[in-house]
Amino acid sequence: MEVLSSEDKAYLLGTIRDIKDFPKPGIVFKDITTLLNNKDAFRLLMDHLERRYKEMDIDFVAGIDSRGFIFGAALADRLHKGFVPIRKAGKLPYTTISEKYALEYGFDEVEIHLDAFECDREKAKVLLVDDLIATGGTAEAAASLINKAGADCVEACMLINLTFLDGKKKIEAITPVYSVLDVQ
């Protein structure tokens, strides 16, 4: 499968703004809004993802609340596939199933509609998309949730992987992971 050249990776990384001490002191937040509002960078990224996944046998693209919705919905449209939102608990209007995951202090939860992956085959194949892997808890829960819903999470695609936090390993225990940009 296709991967970006080192030049294209450097270009995309250069369009992402670092915000120091957000949301709390000591954190360097990766602000993707500057990539999104750069039409050339966004097109480069989406063209790359379309080429990478156009031949993959998938039925749905699932995006994690909320920035995964941006990339996931755009990619689903390009691939002519359905899009499934994976939301934080209490945000979906129909019957849902959920998956809890640990935070530094406490737990959080993601949900999907019970019937999210209905299709012509017995077990839908799903590509999971989000903007960033930090500790990996949310994406791990989302991939588990896809499988719990009776579908098969065939890969997780993340724009940025913060390698120093090692969250990718959690997700790889459930499904292969492709990260466009690895940041140390």
Protein backbone atom coordinates (compact mmCIF):
# COMPACT_ATOMS: atom_id res chain seq x y z
CA MET A 1 0.00 0.00 0.00
CA GLU A 2 1.05 3.54 -0.69
CA VAL A 3 2.90 5.71 1.83
CA LEU A 4 3.84 9.37 1.47
CA SER A 5 7.27 10.51 0.39
CA SER A 6 9.47 12.14 3.02
CA GLU A 7 9.05 15.47 1.18
CA ASP A 8 5.24 15.25 1.31
CA LYS A 9 5.38 14.26 4.98
CA ALA A 10 7.58 17.27 5.78
CA TYR A 11 5.20 19.54 3.86
CA LEU A 12 2.13 18.27 5.72
CA LEU A 13 3.88 18.44 9.09
CA GLY A 14 4.84 22.03 8.30
CA THR A 15 1.15 22.93 7.93
CA ILE A 16 0.30 21.73 11.46
CA ARG A 17 0.63 24.38 14.17
CA ASP A 18 2.07 23.59 17.60
CA ILE A 19 0.27 25.24 20.53
CA LYS A 20 2.38 25.12 23.70
CA ASP A 21 0.74 24.55 27.08
CA PHE A 22 -2.67 23.60 25.65
CA PRO A 23 -4.93 22.29 27.07
CA LYS A 24 -2.68 22.34 30.14
CA PRO A 25 0.93 23.26 30.99
CA GLY A 26 3.56 20.94 29.51
CA ILE A 27 1.40 19.76 26.59
CA VAL A 28 2.24 20.71 22.99
CA PHE A 29 -1.09 20.49 21.12
CA LYS A 30 -0.98 19.58 17.41
CA ASP A 31 -3.46 22.01 15.82
CA ILE A 32 -4.67 20.51 12.53
CA THR A 33 -6.94 23.46 11.68
CA THR A 34 -4.01 25.01 9.84
CA LEU A 35 -3.74 21.88 7.66
CA LEU A 36 -7.51 21.87 7.08
CA ASN A 37 -7.64 25.49 5.92
CA ASN A 38 -4.69 24.99 3.56
CA LYS A 39 -6.44 23.71 0.42
CA ASP A 40 -3.24 22.29 -1.08
CA ALA A 41 -2.24 20.40 2.08
CA PHE A 42 -5.73 19.02 2.65
CA ARG A 43 -5.98 17.91 -0.99
CA LEU A 44 -2.54 16.26 -0.82
CA LEU A 45 -3.58 14.34 2.29
CA MET A 46 -6.97 13.28 0.95
CA ASP A 47 -5.54 12.30 -2.47
CA HIS A 48 -2.99 10.15 -0.65
CA LEU A 49 -5.61 8.45 1.53
CA GLU A 50 -7.87 7.87 -1.45
CA ARG A 51 -5.04 6.19 -3.39
CA ARG A 52 -4.07 4.11 -0.35
CA TYR A 53 -7.57 2.79 0.33
CA LYS A 54 -9.35 2.76 -3.05
CA GLU A 55 -8.50 -0.91 -3.67
CA MET A 56 -9.02 -2.03 -0.08
CA ASP A 57 -12.12 -4.16 0.34
CA ILE A 58 -14.08 -2.05 2.84
CA ASP A 59 -17.76 -1.30 3.35
CA PHE A 60 -17.57 1.66 5.75
CA VAL A 61 -15.27 4.36 7.03
CA ALA A 62 -15.75 5.11 10.74
CA GLY A 63 -14.49 8.38 12.23
CA ILE A 64 -13.87 9.14 15.91
CA ASP A 65 -15.54 12.18 17.49
CA SER A 66 -14.78 14.86 16.42
CA ARG A 67 -11.81 15.48 14.15
CA GLY A 68 -12.03 11.94 12.78
CA PHE A 69 -15.37 13.01 11.33
CA ILE A 70 -13.61 15.52 9.05
CA PHE A 71 -11.12 13.10 7.52
CA GLY A 72 -13.38 10.04 7.70
CA ALA A 73 -16.41 11.62 6.02
CA ALA A 74 -14.28 13.17 3.26
CA LEU A 75 -12.55 9.84 2.64
CA ALA A 76 -15.82 7.88 2.70
CA ASP A 77 -17.19 10.21 0.04
CA ARG A 78 -14.12 9.78 -2.16
CA LEU A 79 -14.29 5.98 -1.78
CA HIS A 80 -18.08 5.86 -2.31
CA LYS A 81 -18.55 4.15 1.06
CA GLY A 82 -20.81 4.82 4.02
CA PHE A 83 -19.58 6.89 6.93
CA VAL A 84 -20.20 5.89 10.57
CA PRO A 85 -19.60 8.36 13.40
CA ILE A 86 -18.15 7.02 16.64
CA ARG A 87 -19.35 9.47 19.28
CA LYS A 88 -18.83 10.23 22.91
CA ALA A 89 -21.51 8.73 25.16
CA GLY A 90 -24.97 10.27 25.01
CA LYS A 91 -24.59 12.00 21.63
CA LEU A 92 -26.34 9.52 19.31
CA PRO A 93 -30.15 9.49 19.06
CA TYR A 94 -30.85 5.81 18.38
CA THR A 95 -30.07 2.56 20.21
CA THR A 96 -26.32 2.32 20.76
CA ILE A 97 -23.60 0.00 21.93
CA SER A 98 -20.64 1.38 23.82
CA GLU A 99 -17.07 0.74 24.89
CA LYS A 100 -15.41 2.25 27.95
CA TYR A 101 -11.74 3.14 28.13
CA ALA A 102 -9.40 4.36 30.84
CA LEU A 103 -8.23 7.93 31.17
CA GLU A 104 -5.47 9.24 33.41
CA TYR A 105 -8.13 9.77 36.10
CA GLY A 106 -11.32 7.80 35.49
CA PHE A 107 -13.02 6.50 32.38
CA ASP A 108 -14.67 7.72 29.19
CA GLU A 109 -16.92 5.98 26.70
CA VAL A 110 -17.56 5.89 22.93
CA GLU A 111 -20.73 4.71 21.18
CA ILE A 112 -22.11 3.76 17.79
CA HIS A 113 -25.59 2.94 16.62
CA LEU A 114 -26.47 -0.72 17.03
CA ASP A 115 -27.24 -1.02 13.30
CA ALA A 116 -24.29 1.08 12.04
CA PHE A 117 -22.66 -1.62 9.93
CA GLU A 118 -25.56 -3.27 8.12
CA CYS A 119 -24.51 -4.27 4.61
CA ASP A 120 -24.79 -6.99 1.96
CA ARG A 121 -22.22 -9.28 3.55
CA GLU A 122 -22.35 -11.04 6.89
CA LYS A 123 -19.49 -9.08 8.46
CA ALA A 124 -18.85 -5.50 7.29
CA LYS A 125 -15.24 -4.43 6.79
CA VAL A 126 -14.49 -1.07 8.40
CA LEU A 127 -11.64 1.43 8.15
CA LEU A 128 -11.24 3.49 11.34
CA VAL A 129 -10.01 7.09 10.92
CA ASP A 130 -8.91 9.77 13.40
CA ASP A 131 -6.51 12.69 13.53
CA LEU A 132 -4.09 11.64 16.27
CA ILE A 133 -2.80 8.76 18.39
CA ALA A 134 -1.60 9.86 21.80
CA THR A 135 -1.96 7.16 24.47
CA GLY A 136 -4.21 5.13 22.14
CA GLY A 137 -7.13 4.62 24.51
CA THR A 138 -9.84 6.21 22.39
CA ALA A 139 -8.78 4.50 19.16
CA GLU A 140 -8.37 1.16 20.95
CA ALA A 141 -11.92 1.48 22.31
CA ALA A 142 -13.25 2.51 18.89
CA ALA A 143 -11.63 -0.46 17.14
CA SER A 144 -12.98 -2.79 19.83
CA LEU A 145 -16.42 -1.23 19.44
CA ILE A 146 -16.41 -1.84 15.68
CA ASN A 147 -15.63 -5.51 16.28
CA LYS A 148 -18.18 -5.69 19.13
CA ALA A 149 -20.81 -4.42 16.68
CA GLY A 150 -20.22 -7.51 14.52
CA ALA A 151 -18.01 -5.80 11.93
CA ASP A 152 -14.30 -6.24 11.23
CA CYS A 153 -11.99 -3.28 11.85
CA VAL A 154 -9.50 -3.94 9.05
CA GLU A 155 -7.19 -0.97 9.74
CA ALA A 156 -6.90 2.21 11.78
CA CYS A 157 -5.67 5.23 9.84
CA MET A 158 -4.33 8.15 11.88
CA LEU A 159 -2.96 11.43 10.58
CA ILE A 160 -0.47 11.87 13.46
CA ASN A 161 1.15 9.32 15.76
CA LEU A 162 2.87 10.77 18.83
CA THR A 163 5.50 8.02 18.97
CA PHE A 164 6.87 9.00 22.39
CA LEU A 165 3.53 8.03 24.01
CA ASP A 166 3.52 4.54 22.43
CA GLY A 167 -0.27 4.46 21.99
CA LYS A 168 -0.02 2.79 18.59
CA LYS A 169 0.82 -0.54 20.26
CA LYS A 170 -2.56 -0.64 22.03
CA ILE A 171 -4.42 -0.30 18.75
CA GLU A 172 -2.16 -2.78 16.95
CA ALA A 173 -3.31 -5.43 19.41
CA ILE A 174 -6.72 -5.17 17.69
CA THR A 175 -6.02 -4.03 14.11
CA PRO A 176 -3.18 -2.84 11.86
CA VAL A 177 -2.39 0.87 12.13
CA TYR A 178 -1.27 3.29 9.43
CA SER A 179 -0.05 6.66 10.62
CA VAL A 180 0.61 9.26 7.94
CA LEU A 181 2.94 11.30 10.16
CA ASP A 182 5.05 9.98 13.05
CA VAL A 183 6.01 12.74 15.49
CA GLN A 184 8.65 12.22 18.19
